[in-house]
Amino acid sequence: METIQTAGSYPTLSNLFGQVEFDLELDTLFAAGLSRALDGIASLIGQSRG
């Protein structure tokens, strides 16, 4: 994660890491990403049926 923060490729993420209060919870990020991916798959399945 330090490489991502210092490389400058992701300025928004770097800014978040610079905040003392910011706590990166990987489980929360994973759950949010998985939820969005599954929502997209469900939408595609719904479109293919109709």
Protein backbone atom coordinates (compact mmCIF):
# COMPACT_ATOMS: atom_id res chain seq x y z
CA MET A 1 0.00 0.00 0.00
CA GLU A 2 2.90 2.34 0.64
CA THR A 3 3.98 2.02 -3.01
CA ILE A 4 0.52 3.03 -4.19
CA GLN A 5 0.51 5.98 -1.80
CA THR A 6 3.93 7.33 -2.75
CA ALA A 7 3.87 6.62 -6.51
CA GLY A 8 1.40 9.44 -7.19
CA SER A 9 -0.67 7.39 -9.63
CA TYR A 10 -3.74 7.63 -7.40
CA PRO A 11 -3.84 11.17 -5.97
CA THR A 12 -7.24 10.82 -4.30
CA LEU A 13 -6.18 7.66 -2.50
CA SER A 14 -2.90 9.32 -1.52
CA ASN A 15 -4.83 12.22 -0.02
CA LEU A 16 -6.97 9.82 2.00
CA PHE A 17 -3.90 8.05 3.34
CA GLY A 18 -2.51 11.41 4.40
CA GLN A 19 -5.43 11.96 6.77
CA VAL A 20 -4.75 10.71 10.29
CA GLU A 21 -8.39 9.67 10.85
CA PHE A 22 -8.61 7.57 7.68
CA ASP A 23 -8.73 3.83 8.42
CA LEU A 24 -8.48 1.52 5.44
CA GLU A 25 -10.60 -1.54 6.20
CA LEU A 26 -9.96 -4.03 3.44
CA ASP A 27 -12.93 -6.21 4.43
CA THR A 28 -15.27 -3.25 3.99
CA LEU A 29 -13.76 -2.33 0.62
CA PHE A 30 -13.96 -5.94 -0.56
CA ALA A 31 -17.60 -6.27 0.50
CA ALA A 32 -18.53 -3.02 -1.24
CA GLY A 33 -16.76 -4.03 -4.45
CA LEU A 34 -18.25 -7.51 -4.42
CA SER A 35 -21.72 -6.09 -3.86
CA ARG A 36 -21.37 -3.77 -6.88
CA ALA A 37 -20.04 -6.58 -9.05
CA LEU A 38 -22.91 -8.88 -8.10
CA ASP A 39 -25.44 -6.09 -8.72
CA GLY A 40 -24.00 -5.68 -12.21
CA ILE A 41 -24.18 -9.41 -12.91
CA ALA A 42 -27.78 -9.56 -11.67
CA SER A 43 -28.65 -6.66 -13.97
CA LEU A 44 -27.10 -8.42 -16.96
CA ILE A 45 -29.01 -11.62 -16.17
CA GLY A 46 -32.24 -9.63 -15.91
CA GLN A 47 -31.62 -7.97 -19.27
CA SER A 48 -30.87 -11.27 -21.00
CA ARG A 49 -34.17 -12.76 -19.77
CA GLY A 50 -36.28 -9.87 -20.94
